[in-house]
Amino acid sequence: MNILQINSSARADSSHSTRLASTITERLRAANPQASVTVRDLLRAPHPELDEAALQALFTPASERTPEQAARVALDDALIAEIQAADVVVLGVPMYNFGVPAQLKNWIDAISRARVTFQYTDKGPEGLLKNKKVYAALARGGIYRDTPSDSQVPYLKTALGFLGMTDIEFVYAEGLAMGPEAERQALAAAQAQIEDALPA
């Protein structure tokens, strides 16, 4: 089993989403001692945004790219190789202004490449990153689950599903900014969800 953990919080050691994602990864490893784990921390190693220069590099034939363009495409290639090799993907996802962090969006942009991770067919789009289990640890200051204000879950289901990753399990830690007791209860509830999803 190959496990890929993506940490997207702008906070380092104090990040609840990263801690929850790491807990999921640890339980996966405990159940699969031979598993390999790759951790990509988008705070410590941020991925560049999809800008005009990146688009020009991607749409230039490989044989015609400048060294700078080749280097830019290679950054995305590395992320694509990681996700292609993964059997399980663990995402640490805090909520920033009702959405996912910009660095996570950059990661999703980087792994979304036509004819590599998805393709268009006469029956519509087809995701090529199939047969992967995804766990998404969501950390929120307020309570948004199953409300119109939760744009994260629909976005992740759509974006990852478009790439073929449709088996997604969400772990919720909500109300983290609503006082110490609410924080304690939120983290305990998230831990219980992890234990239910990944029994020892």
N, C-alpha and C. Protein backbone atom coordinates (compact mmCIF):
# COMPACT_ATOMS: atom_id res chain seq x y z
N MET A 1 0.85 -1.20 0.00
CA MET A 1 0.00 0.00 0.00
C MET A 1 0.88 1.24 0.00
N ASN A 2 0.56 2.18 -0.86
CA ASN A 2 1.22 3.48 -0.90
C ASN A 2 0.26 4.54 -0.38
N ILE A 3 0.67 5.25 0.66
CA ILE A 3 -0.15 6.28 1.27
C ILE A 3 0.46 7.64 0.95
N LEU A 4 -0.37 8.54 0.45
CA LEU A 4 0.06 9.91 0.16
C LEU A 4 -0.71 10.85 1.07
N GLN A 5 0.00 11.57 1.93
CA GLN A 5 -0.62 12.55 2.82
C GLN A 5 -0.29 13.95 2.33
N ILE A 6 -1.33 14.76 2.17
CA ILE A 6 -1.19 16.14 1.72
C ILE A 6 -1.62 17.05 2.85
N ASN A 7 -0.69 17.84 3.38
CA ASN A 7 -1.00 18.83 4.41
C ASN A 7 -1.12 20.20 3.75
N SER A 8 -2.24 20.87 3.96
CA SER A 8 -2.45 22.14 3.25
C SER A 8 -2.63 23.33 4.18
N SER A 9 -2.46 23.12 5.48
CA SER A 9 -2.65 24.22 6.43
C SER A 9 -1.53 25.23 6.34
N ALA A 10 -1.87 26.50 6.56
CA ALA A 10 -0.86 27.56 6.64
C ALA A 10 -0.21 27.60 8.02
N ARG A 11 -0.71 26.79 8.93
CA ARG A 11 -0.11 26.68 10.26
C ARG A 11 0.77 25.44 10.29
N ALA A 12 1.82 25.50 11.08
CA ALA A 12 2.77 24.40 11.12
C ALA A 12 2.35 23.38 12.18
N ASP A 13 3.05 23.35 13.29
CA ASP A 13 2.82 22.31 14.28
C ASP A 13 1.49 22.45 15.01
N SER A 14 0.86 23.62 14.93
CA SER A 14 -0.40 23.82 15.66
C SER A 14 -1.63 23.53 14.81
N SER A 15 -1.45 22.96 13.64
CA SER A 15 -2.56 22.72 12.72
C SER A 15 -3.39 21.51 13.13
N HIS A 16 -4.67 21.72 13.36
CA HIS A 16 -5.56 20.61 13.69
C HIS A 16 -5.76 19.69 12.48
N SER A 17 -5.89 20.25 11.30
CA SER A 17 -6.13 19.41 10.12
C SER A 17 -4.93 18.50 9.86
N THR A 18 -3.72 19.03 10.05
CA THR A 18 -2.52 18.21 9.85
C THR A 18 -2.44 17.11 10.89
N ARG A 19 -2.75 17.44 12.13
CA ARG A 19 -2.72 16.42 13.17
C ARG A 19 -3.72 15.31 12.89
N LEU A 20 -4.92 15.69 12.46
CA LEU A 20 -5.94 14.67 12.15
C LEU A 20 -5.52 13.82 10.96
N ALA A 21 -4.97 14.47 9.94
CA ALA A 21 -4.50 13.71 8.78
C ALA A 21 -3.40 12.74 9.19
N SER A 22 -2.50 13.19 10.06
CA SER A 22 -1.41 12.32 10.52
C SER A 22 -1.96 11.16 11.34
N THR A 23 -3.02 11.40 12.11
CA THR A 23 -3.64 10.31 12.87
C THR A 23 -4.21 9.26 11.93
N ILE A 24 -4.86 9.70 10.86
CA ILE A 24 -5.39 8.76 9.87
C ILE A 24 -4.25 7.95 9.26
N THR A 25 -3.19 8.63 8.87
CA THR A 25 -2.05 7.94 8.27
C THR A 25 -1.44 6.93 9.24
N GLU A 26 -1.33 7.30 10.51
CA GLU A 26 -0.76 6.40 11.51
C GLU A 26 -1.62 5.14 11.67
N ARG A 27 -2.94 5.32 11.64
CA ARG A 27 -3.81 4.14 11.77
C ARG A 27 -3.72 3.26 10.53
N LEU A 28 -3.59 3.87 9.37
CA LEU A 28 -3.41 3.09 8.14
C LEU A 28 -2.11 2.30 8.21
N ARG A 29 -1.05 2.92 8.69
CA ARG A 29 0.24 2.22 8.79
C ARG A 29 0.19 1.11 9.83
N ALA A 30 -0.53 1.35 10.92
CA ALA A 30 -0.63 0.33 11.95
C ALA A 30 -1.32 -0.92 11.39
N ALA A 31 -2.31 -0.70 10.53
CA ALA A 31 -3.03 -1.83 9.94
C ALA A 31 -2.27 -2.44 8.77
N ASN A 32 -1.32 -1.66 8.20
CA ASN A 32 -0.55 -2.13 7.05
C ASN A 32 0.92 -1.78 7.27
N PRO A 33 1.62 -2.56 8.12
CA PRO A 33 2.99 -2.20 8.51
C PRO A 33 3.97 -2.06 7.34
N GLN A 34 3.68 -2.70 6.23
CA GLN A 34 4.58 -2.62 5.09
C GLN A 34 4.27 -1.43 4.17
N ALA A 35 3.29 -0.64 4.55
CA ALA A 35 2.89 0.48 3.70
C ALA A 35 4.00 1.52 3.61
N SER A 36 4.10 2.15 2.45
CA SER A 36 5.01 3.28 2.30
C SER A 36 4.20 4.57 2.42
N VAL A 37 4.82 5.58 2.99
CA VAL A 37 4.12 6.85 3.23
C VAL A 37 4.93 7.99 2.60
N THR A 38 4.24 8.81 1.82
CA THR A 38 4.80 10.04 1.29
C THR A 38 4.00 11.19 1.87
N VAL A 39 4.67 12.13 2.50
CA VAL A 39 4.00 13.31 3.06
C VAL A 39 4.45 14.53 2.28
N ARG A 40 3.49 15.23 1.72
CA ARG A 40 3.79 16.48 1.02
C ARG A 40 3.16 17.62 1.82
N ASP A 41 4.00 18.44 2.38
CA ASP A 41 3.56 19.57 3.20
C ASP A 41 3.59 20.82 2.33
N LEU A 42 2.42 21.33 2.00
CA LEU A 42 2.32 22.47 1.08
C LEU A 42 2.64 23.79 1.76
N LEU A 43 2.82 23.77 3.10
CA LEU A 43 3.32 24.96 3.79
C LEU A 43 4.83 25.05 3.63
N ARG A 44 5.50 23.95 3.91
CA ARG A 44 6.96 23.95 3.85
C ARG A 44 7.48 23.87 2.41
N ALA A 45 6.71 23.29 1.53
CA ALA A 45 7.11 23.20 0.13
C ALA A 45 5.93 23.63 -0.74
N PRO A 46 5.61 24.93 -0.76
CA PRO A 46 4.44 25.39 -1.52
C PRO A 46 4.62 25.17 -3.01
N HIS A 47 3.51 24.80 -3.65
CA HIS A 47 3.54 24.59 -5.10
C HIS A 47 3.13 25.88 -5.80
N PRO A 48 3.78 26.24 -6.89
CA PRO A 48 3.42 27.49 -7.57
C PRO A 48 2.03 27.44 -8.16
N GLU A 49 1.42 28.61 -8.26
CA GLU A 49 0.07 28.69 -8.80
C GLU A 49 0.08 28.47 -10.31
N LEU A 50 -1.09 28.17 -10.82
CA LEU A 50 -1.25 28.00 -12.26
C LEU A 50 -1.44 29.39 -12.88
N ASP A 51 -0.34 29.96 -13.38
CA ASP A 51 -0.39 31.29 -13.97
C ASP A 51 -0.14 31.20 -15.47
N GLU A 52 0.00 32.35 -16.12
CA GLU A 52 0.16 32.36 -17.58
C GLU A 52 1.42 31.62 -18.01
N ALA A 53 2.52 31.81 -17.28
CA ALA A 53 3.77 31.14 -17.65
C ALA A 53 3.62 29.63 -17.54
N ALA A 54 2.93 29.16 -16.51
CA ALA A 54 2.73 27.72 -16.35
C ALA A 54 1.86 27.17 -17.48
N LEU A 55 0.81 27.89 -17.83
CA LEU A 55 -0.04 27.44 -18.94
C LEU A 55 0.72 27.38 -20.24
N GLN A 56 1.52 28.38 -20.51
CA GLN A 56 2.32 28.37 -21.73
C GLN A 56 3.27 27.19 -21.75
N ALA A 57 3.86 26.87 -20.61
CA ALA A 57 4.76 25.72 -20.53
C ALA A 57 4.01 24.42 -20.80
N LEU A 58 2.83 24.29 -20.21
CA LEU A 58 2.06 23.06 -20.37
C LEU A 58 1.59 22.86 -21.81
N PHE A 59 1.27 23.95 -22.48
CA PHE A 59 0.75 23.84 -23.84
C PHE A 59 1.84 23.90 -24.92
N THR A 60 3.09 24.01 -24.50
CA THR A 60 4.20 23.95 -25.44
C THR A 60 4.66 22.51 -25.55
N PRO A 61 4.81 21.97 -26.77
CA PRO A 61 5.30 20.59 -26.91
C PRO A 61 6.61 20.40 -26.14
N ALA A 62 6.77 19.23 -25.54
CA ALA A 62 7.92 18.98 -24.68
C ALA A 62 9.24 19.27 -25.39
N SER A 63 9.31 18.94 -26.68
CA SER A 63 10.56 19.11 -27.41
C SER A 63 10.89 20.58 -27.68
N GLU A 64 9.90 21.45 -27.49
CA GLU A 64 10.09 22.87 -27.81
C GLU A 64 10.16 23.75 -26.55
N ARG A 65 10.07 23.16 -25.38
CA ARG A 65 10.06 23.95 -24.16
C ARG A 65 11.45 24.51 -23.85
N THR A 66 11.44 25.70 -23.30
CA THR A 66 12.68 26.28 -22.79
C THR A 66 13.07 25.52 -21.51
N PRO A 67 14.30 25.66 -21.06
CA PRO A 67 14.68 25.03 -19.79
C PRO A 67 13.77 25.47 -18.63
N GLU A 68 13.38 26.74 -18.63
CA GLU A 68 12.50 27.24 -17.57
C GLU A 68 11.13 26.58 -17.66
N GLN A 69 10.61 26.43 -18.88
CA GLN A 69 9.31 25.79 -19.05
C GLN A 69 9.37 24.31 -18.66
N ALA A 70 10.44 23.64 -19.04
CA ALA A 70 10.59 22.23 -18.69
C ALA A 70 10.65 22.06 -17.17
N ALA A 71 11.34 22.97 -16.51
CA ALA A 71 11.44 22.90 -15.05
C ALA A 71 10.08 23.12 -14.40
N ARG A 72 9.29 24.04 -14.97
CA ARG A 72 7.96 24.30 -14.39
C ARG A 72 7.05 23.10 -14.57
N VAL A 73 7.06 22.48 -15.74
CA VAL A 73 6.22 21.30 -15.96
C VAL A 73 6.67 20.15 -15.07
N ALA A 74 7.97 20.05 -14.84
CA ALA A 74 8.49 18.97 -14.01
C ALA A 74 7.96 19.05 -12.59
N LEU A 75 7.69 20.25 -12.10
CA LEU A 75 7.12 20.39 -10.76
C LEU A 75 5.75 19.72 -10.69
N ASP A 76 4.93 19.95 -11.71
CA ASP A 76 3.62 19.30 -11.76
C ASP A 76 3.76 17.80 -11.97
N ASP A 77 4.72 17.40 -12.82
CA ASP A 77 4.93 15.98 -13.08
C ASP A 77 5.20 15.22 -11.79
N ALA A 78 5.96 15.84 -10.89
CA ALA A 78 6.30 15.17 -9.63
C ALA A 78 5.05 14.91 -8.80
N LEU A 79 4.13 15.87 -8.77
CA LEU A 79 2.90 15.69 -8.01
C LEU A 79 2.01 14.64 -8.66
N ILE A 80 1.97 14.64 -9.99
CA ILE A 80 1.17 13.65 -10.70
C ILE A 80 1.70 12.25 -10.44
N ALA A 81 3.01 12.09 -10.45
CA ALA A 81 3.60 10.78 -10.19
C ALA A 81 3.24 10.29 -8.79
N GLU A 82 3.23 11.19 -7.82
CA GLU A 82 2.88 10.81 -6.45
C GLU A 82 1.44 10.34 -6.37
N ILE A 83 0.52 11.07 -6.98
CA ILE A 83 -0.89 10.69 -6.88
C ILE A 83 -1.18 9.43 -7.69
N GLN A 84 -0.49 9.25 -8.80
CA GLN A 84 -0.68 8.03 -9.58
C GLN A 84 -0.22 6.80 -8.79
N ALA A 85 0.84 6.95 -8.02
CA ALA A 85 1.39 5.82 -7.27
C ALA A 85 0.61 5.51 -6.00
N ALA A 86 -0.21 6.44 -5.55
CA ALA A 86 -0.89 6.28 -4.26
C ALA A 86 -2.08 5.34 -4.36
N ASP A 87 -2.21 4.51 -3.34
CA ASP A 87 -3.42 3.70 -3.17
C ASP A 87 -4.42 4.41 -2.26
N VAL A 88 -3.90 5.15 -1.29
CA VAL A 88 -4.72 5.90 -0.35
C VAL A 88 -4.19 7.33 -0.28
N VAL A 89 -5.11 8.29 -0.30
CA VAL A 89 -4.75 9.70 -0.21
C VAL A 89 -5.38 10.27 1.06
N VAL A 90 -4.57 10.94 1.87
CA VAL A 90 -5.05 11.55 3.11
C VAL A 90 -4.83 13.05 3.00
N LEU A 91 -5.92 13.81 3.09
CA LEU A 91 -5.85 15.26 2.94
C LEU A 91 -6.12 15.94 4.28
N GLY A 92 -5.27 16.88 4.66
CA GLY A 92 -5.54 17.75 5.79
C GLY A 92 -6.06 19.07 5.25
N VAL A 93 -7.32 19.39 5.57
CA VAL A 93 -7.99 20.52 4.91
C VAL A 93 -8.63 21.47 5.93
N PRO A 94 -7.95 22.55 6.27
CA PRO A 94 -8.62 23.58 7.08
C PRO A 94 -9.57 24.40 6.20
N MET A 95 -10.49 25.09 6.83
CA MET A 95 -11.39 25.98 6.09
C MET A 95 -10.87 27.41 6.22
N TYR A 96 -10.60 28.02 5.08
CA TYR A 96 -10.21 29.42 5.04
C TYR A 96 -11.24 30.20 4.24
N ASN A 97 -11.94 31.09 4.90
CA ASN A 97 -12.92 31.94 4.22
C ASN A 97 -13.89 31.12 3.37
N PHE A 98 -14.38 30.04 3.97
CA PHE A 98 -15.40 29.15 3.39
C PHE A 98 -14.87 28.26 2.27
N GLY A 99 -13.58 28.29 2.00
CA GLY A 99 -13.05 27.45 0.93
C GLY A 99 -11.85 26.65 1.39
N VAL A 100 -11.22 25.96 0.44
CA VAL A 100 -9.99 25.22 0.74
C VAL A 100 -8.82 26.19 0.65
N PRO A 101 -7.70 25.88 1.30
CA PRO A 101 -6.53 26.75 1.20
C PRO A 101 -6.05 26.88 -0.24
N ALA A 102 -5.48 28.03 -0.55
CA ALA A 102 -4.97 28.26 -1.90
C ALA A 102 -3.94 27.21 -2.30
N GLN A 103 -3.13 26.77 -1.34
CA GLN A 103 -2.12 25.77 -1.68
C GLN A 103 -2.73 24.44 -2.06
N LEU A 104 -3.85 24.09 -1.46
CA LEU A 104 -4.52 22.85 -1.86
C LEU A 104 -5.12 23.00 -3.25
N LYS A 105 -5.66 24.17 -3.54
CA LYS A 105 -6.18 24.43 -4.89
C LYS A 105 -5.04 24.34 -5.91
N ASN A 106 -3.86 24.87 -5.57
CA ASN A 106 -2.71 24.77 -6.47
C ASN A 106 -2.34 23.32 -6.72
N TRP A 107 -2.41 22.49 -5.66
CA TRP A 107 -2.10 21.07 -5.81
C TRP A 107 -3.11 20.38 -6.74
N ILE A 108 -4.38 20.69 -6.55
CA ILE A 108 -5.41 20.09 -7.40
C ILE A 108 -5.22 20.54 -8.85
N ASP A 109 -4.91 21.83 -9.05
CA ASP A 109 -4.63 22.31 -10.41
C ASP A 109 -3.46 21.55 -11.02
N ALA A 110 -2.43 21.29 -10.21
CA ALA A 110 -1.22 20.65 -10.72
C ALA A 110 -1.47 19.21 -11.14
N ILE A 111 -2.32 18.49 -10.41
CA ILE A 111 -2.55 17.08 -10.74
C ILE A 111 -3.66 16.89 -11.76
N SER A 112 -4.31 17.97 -12.17
CA SER A 112 -5.40 17.88 -13.14
C SER A 112 -4.85 18.15 -14.54
N ARG A 113 -4.52 17.08 -15.25
CA ARG A 113 -3.93 17.25 -16.58
C ARG A 113 -4.65 16.37 -17.58
N ALA A 114 -5.14 16.99 -18.64
CA ALA A 114 -5.87 16.26 -19.68
C ALA A 114 -4.99 15.17 -20.28
N ARG A 115 -5.62 14.02 -20.52
CA ARG A 115 -5.00 12.84 -21.11
C ARG A 115 -3.97 12.18 -20.20
N VAL A 116 -3.87 12.67 -18.98
CA VAL A 116 -2.97 12.06 -18.00
C VAL A 116 -3.75 11.62 -16.76
N THR A 117 -4.48 12.55 -16.15
CA THR A 117 -5.29 12.20 -14.98
C THR A 117 -6.79 12.30 -15.26
N PHE A 118 -7.15 12.81 -16.42
CA PHE A 118 -8.54 12.76 -16.89
C PHE A 118 -8.52 12.85 -18.40
N GLN A 119 -9.63 12.45 -19.00
CA GLN A 119 -9.76 12.58 -20.45
C GLN A 119 -11.22 12.79 -20.81
N TYR A 120 -11.42 13.40 -21.95
CA TYR A 120 -12.77 13.57 -22.48
C TYR A 120 -13.03 12.47 -23.50
N THR A 121 -14.20 11.87 -23.39
CA THR A 121 -14.60 10.81 -24.30
C THR A 121 -15.93 11.19 -24.94
N ASP A 122 -16.41 10.34 -25.85
CA ASP A 122 -17.70 10.62 -26.48
C ASP A 122 -18.84 10.49 -25.48
N LYS A 123 -18.56 9.94 -24.29
CA LYS A 123 -19.56 9.82 -23.24
C LYS A 123 -19.37 10.85 -22.13
N GLY A 124 -18.42 11.76 -22.35
CA GLY A 124 -18.14 12.77 -21.35
C GLY A 124 -16.79 12.57 -20.69
N PRO A 125 -16.48 13.35 -19.66
CA PRO A 125 -15.17 13.24 -19.02
C PRO A 125 -15.01 11.93 -18.25
N GLU A 126 -13.79 11.45 -18.21
CA GLU A 126 -13.46 10.22 -17.48
C GLU A 126 -12.22 10.47 -16.63
N GLY A 127 -12.34 10.24 -15.34
CA GLY A 127 -11.19 10.37 -14.47
C GLY A 127 -10.29 9.16 -14.60
N LEU A 128 -8.99 9.38 -14.58
CA LEU A 128 -8.02 8.31 -14.77
C LEU A 128 -7.30 7.93 -13.47
N LEU A 129 -7.61 8.60 -12.38
CA LEU A 129 -7.02 8.26 -11.08
C LEU A 129 -8.04 7.43 -10.29
N LYS A 130 -8.22 6.20 -10.73
CA LYS A 130 -9.28 5.36 -10.18
C LYS A 130 -8.74 4.44 -9.09
N ASN A 131 -9.68 3.82 -8.37
CA ASN A 131 -9.36 2.79 -7.39
C ASN A 131 -8.46 3.32 -6.27
N LYS A 132 -8.74 4.53 -5.83
CA LYS A 132 -8.02 5.13 -4.71
C LYS A 132 -9.01 5.51 -3.61
N LYS A 133 -8.62 5.26 -2.39
CA LYS A 133 -9.42 5.69 -1.25
C LYS A 133 -8.89 7.04 -0.77
N VAL A 134 -9.80 7.97 -0.51
CA VAL A 134 -9.41 9.30 -0.05
C VAL A 134 -10.04 9.55 1.32
N TYR A 135 -9.22 10.02 2.24
CA TYR A 135 -9.71 10.51 3.53
C TYR A 135 -9.39 12.00 3.60
N ALA A 136 -10.39 12.81 3.93
CA ALA A 136 -10.19 14.25 4.04
C ALA A 136 -10.53 14.68 5.46
N ALA A 137 -9.52 15.16 6.18
CA ALA A 137 -9.71 15.65 7.54
C ALA A 137 -10.00 17.14 7.48
N LEU A 138 -11.22 17.53 7.81
CA LEU A 138 -11.68 18.91 7.70
C LEU A 138 -11.67 19.58 9.06
N ALA A 139 -10.99 20.72 9.16
CA ALA A 139 -10.93 21.47 10.42
C ALA A 139 -11.56 22.83 10.19
N ARG A 140 -12.59 23.15 10.99
CA ARG A 140 -13.33 24.40 10.81
C ARG A 140 -13.51 25.11 12.14
N GLY A 141 -13.43 26.43 12.11
CA GLY A 141 -13.65 27.22 13.31
C GLY A 141 -15.10 27.22 13.75
N GLY A 142 -16.02 27.24 12.76
CA GLY A 142 -17.45 27.20 13.04
C GLY A 142 -18.03 25.84 12.68
N ILE A 143 -19.36 25.80 12.57
CA ILE A 143 -20.07 24.56 12.25
C ILE A 143 -20.76 24.74 10.90
N TYR A 144 -20.32 23.99 9.92
CA TYR A 144 -20.81 24.18 8.55
C TYR A 144 -21.30 22.90 7.89
N ARG A 145 -21.11 21.79 8.53
CA ARG A 145 -21.46 20.51 7.90
C ARG A 145 -22.92 20.49 7.46
N ASP A 146 -23.13 20.09 6.21
CA ASP A 146 -24.48 19.96 5.64
C ASP A 146 -25.25 21.28 5.63
N THR A 147 -24.52 22.39 5.51
CA THR A 147 -25.17 23.70 5.37
C THR A 147 -24.75 24.32 4.05
N PRO A 148 -25.49 25.32 3.56
CA PRO A 148 -25.10 25.98 2.31
C PRO A 148 -23.74 26.66 2.39
N SER A 149 -23.23 26.93 3.59
CA SER A 149 -21.94 27.60 3.73
C SER A 149 -20.76 26.66 3.55
N ASP A 150 -21.03 25.36 3.48
CA ASP A 150 -19.94 24.40 3.30
C ASP A 150 -19.68 24.21 1.81
N SER A 151 -18.74 24.99 1.29
CA SER A 151 -18.36 24.83 -0.12
C SER A 151 -17.23 23.84 -0.29
N GLN A 152 -16.56 23.45 0.80
CA GLN A 152 -15.42 22.55 0.70
C GLN A 152 -15.80 21.17 0.21
N VAL A 153 -16.78 20.56 0.87
CA VAL A 153 -17.14 19.18 0.54
C VAL A 153 -17.63 19.06 -0.90
N PRO A 154 -18.57 19.92 -1.37
CA PRO A 154 -18.97 19.82 -2.78
C PRO A 154 -17.80 20.03 -3.74
N TYR A 155 -16.91 20.98 -3.42
CA TYR A 155 -15.77 21.22 -4.30
C TYR A 155 -14.86 20.01 -4.36
N LEU A 156 -14.51 19.44 -3.21
CA LEU A 156 -13.61 18.29 -3.20
C LEU A 156 -14.24 17.09 -3.88
N LYS A 157 -15.53 16.86 -3.65
CA LYS A 157 -16.20 15.76 -4.33
C LYS A 157 -16.17 15.95 -5.84
N THR A 158 -16.39 17.19 -6.29
CA THR A 158 -16.42 17.46 -7.73
C THR A 158 -15.03 17.37 -8.33
N ALA A 159 -14.06 18.06 -7.73
CA ALA A 159 -12.71 18.13 -8.30
C ALA A 159 -12.04 16.77 -8.27
N LEU A 160 -12.09 16.07 -7.14
CA LEU A 160 -11.44 14.77 -7.04
C LEU A 160 -12.22 13.72 -7.84
N GLY A 161 -13.54 13.81 -7.80
CA GLY A 161 -14.35 12.88 -8.57
C GLY A 161 -14.11 13.00 -10.07
N PHE A 162 -13.89 14.21 -10.54
CA PHE A 162 -13.58 14.44 -11.95
C PHE A 162 -12.32 13.69 -12.36
N LEU A 163 -11.41 13.53 -11.41
CA LEU A 163 -10.15 12.83 -11.68
C LEU A 163 -10.26 11.32 -11.43
N GLY A 164 -11.43 10.87 -11.02
CA GLY A 164 -11.63 9.44 -10.81
C GLY A 164 -11.62 9.01 -9.36
N MET A 165 -11.39 9.94 -8.44
CA MET A 165 -11.34 9.60 -7.02
C MET A 165 -12.71 9.88 -6.39
N THR A 166 -13.54 8.88 -6.38
CA THR A 166 -14.92 9.04 -5.93
C THR A 166 -15.18 8.45 -4.55
N ASP A 167 -14.25 7.64 -4.05
CA ASP A 167 -14.41 7.02 -2.73
C ASP A 167 -13.74 7.92 -1.70
N ILE A 168 -14.51 8.90 -1.20
CA ILE A 168 -13.97 9.92 -0.30
C ILE A 168 -14.69 9.84 1.04
N GLU A 169 -13.93 9.77 2.10
CA GLU A 169 -14.50 9.77 3.46
C GLU A 169 -14.06 11.05 4.15
N PHE A 170 -15.03 11.81 4.65
CA PHE A 170 -14.75 13.08 5.31
C PHE A 170 -14.78 12.91 6.83
N VAL A 171 -13.78 13.47 7.48
CA VAL A 171 -13.72 13.51 8.93
C VAL A 171 -13.85 14.98 9.33
N TYR A 172 -14.79 15.27 10.21
CA TYR A 172 -15.12 16.65 10.56
C TYR A 172 -14.66 17.00 11.98
N ALA A 173 -13.91 18.10 12.08
CA ALA A 173 -13.64 18.73 13.37
C ALA A 173 -14.16 20.15 13.25
N GLU A 174 -15.33 20.41 13.86
CA GLU A 174 -16.00 21.70 13.69
C GLU A 174 -16.23 22.40 15.03
N GLY A 175 -16.31 23.72 14.97
CA GLY A 175 -16.51 24.51 16.17
C GLY A 175 -15.21 24.73 16.94
N LEU A 176 -14.08 24.63 16.23
CA LEU A 176 -12.78 24.72 16.90
C LEU A 176 -12.49 26.11 17.47
N ALA A 177 -13.18 27.13 16.95
CA ALA A 177 -12.95 28.50 17.43
C ALA A 177 -14.03 28.96 18.39
N MET A 178 -14.85 28.04 18.87
CA MET A 178 -16.01 28.40 19.69
C MET A 178 -15.78 28.16 21.18
N GLY A 179 -14.52 28.18 21.59
CA GLY A 179 -14.20 28.02 23.00
C GLY A 179 -13.49 26.71 23.28
N PRO A 180 -12.78 26.62 24.42
CA PRO A 180 -11.99 25.43 24.73
C PRO A 180 -12.80 24.14 24.80
N GLU A 181 -13.99 24.21 25.38
CA GLU A 181 -14.80 23.00 25.50
C GLU A 181 -15.31 22.55 24.13
N ALA A 182 -15.72 23.51 23.30
CA ALA A 182 -16.16 23.16 21.95
C ALA A 182 -15.00 22.56 21.16
N GLU A 183 -13.81 23.10 21.35
CA GLU A 183 -12.64 22.55 20.65
C GLU A 183 -12.38 21.12 21.11
N ARG A 184 -12.44 20.90 22.40
CA ARG A 184 -12.20 19.55 22.93
C ARG A 184 -13.21 18.56 22.37
N GLN A 185 -14.47 18.96 22.34
CA GLN A 185 -15.51 18.08 21.83
C GLN A 185 -15.34 17.82 20.33
N ALA A 186 -14.95 18.87 19.62
CA ALA A 186 -14.76 18.71 18.17
C ALA A 186 -13.66 17.72 17.86
N LEU A 187 -12.55 17.83 18.57
CA LEU A 187 -11.43 16.93 18.31
C LEU A 187 -11.75 15.51 18.76
N ALA A 188 -12.50 15.37 19.84
CA ALA A 188 -12.91 14.04 20.29
C ALA A 188 -13.85 13.40 19.28
N ALA A 189 -14.76 14.20 18.72
CA ALA A 189 -15.69 13.68 17.71
C ALA A 189 -14.94 13.25 16.46
N ALA A 190 -13.96 14.06 16.05
CA ALA A 190 -13.16 13.70 14.87
C ALA A 190 -12.37 12.42 15.12
N GLN A 191 -11.80 12.29 16.31
CA GLN A 191 -11.06 11.08 16.64
C GLN A 191 -11.98 9.86 16.60
N ALA A 192 -13.21 10.02 17.10
CA ALA A 192 -14.16 8.91 17.06
C ALA A 192 -14.50 8.53 15.62
N GLN A 193 -14.64 9.53 14.75
CA GLN A 193 -14.90 9.24 13.34
C GLN A 193 -13.75 8.46 12.71
N ILE A 194 -12.52 8.84 13.05
CA ILE A 194 -11.35 8.15 12.52
C ILE A 194 -11.34 6.70 13.01
N GLU A 195 -11.63 6.50 14.28
CA GLU A 195 -11.62 5.15 14.84
C GLU A 195 -12.72 4.29 14.21
N ASP A 196 -13.86 4.90 13.91
CA ASP A 196 -14.94 4.15 13.24
C ASP A 196 -14.56 3.79 11.82
N ALA A 197 -13.90 4.75 11.13
CA ALA A 197 -13.53 4.51 9.74
C ALA A 197 -12.35 3.55 9.62
N LEU A 198 -11.46 3.59 10.62
CA LEU A 198 -10.25 2.76 10.57
C LEU A 198 -10.09 2.04 11.90
N PRO A 199 -10.91 1.01 12.14
CA PRO A 199 -10.82 0.31 13.42
C PRO A 199 -9.44 -0.34 13.57
N ALA A 200 -8.96 -0.37 14.79
CA ALA A 200 -7.63 -0.94 15.05
C ALA A 200 -7.66 -2.46 14.84
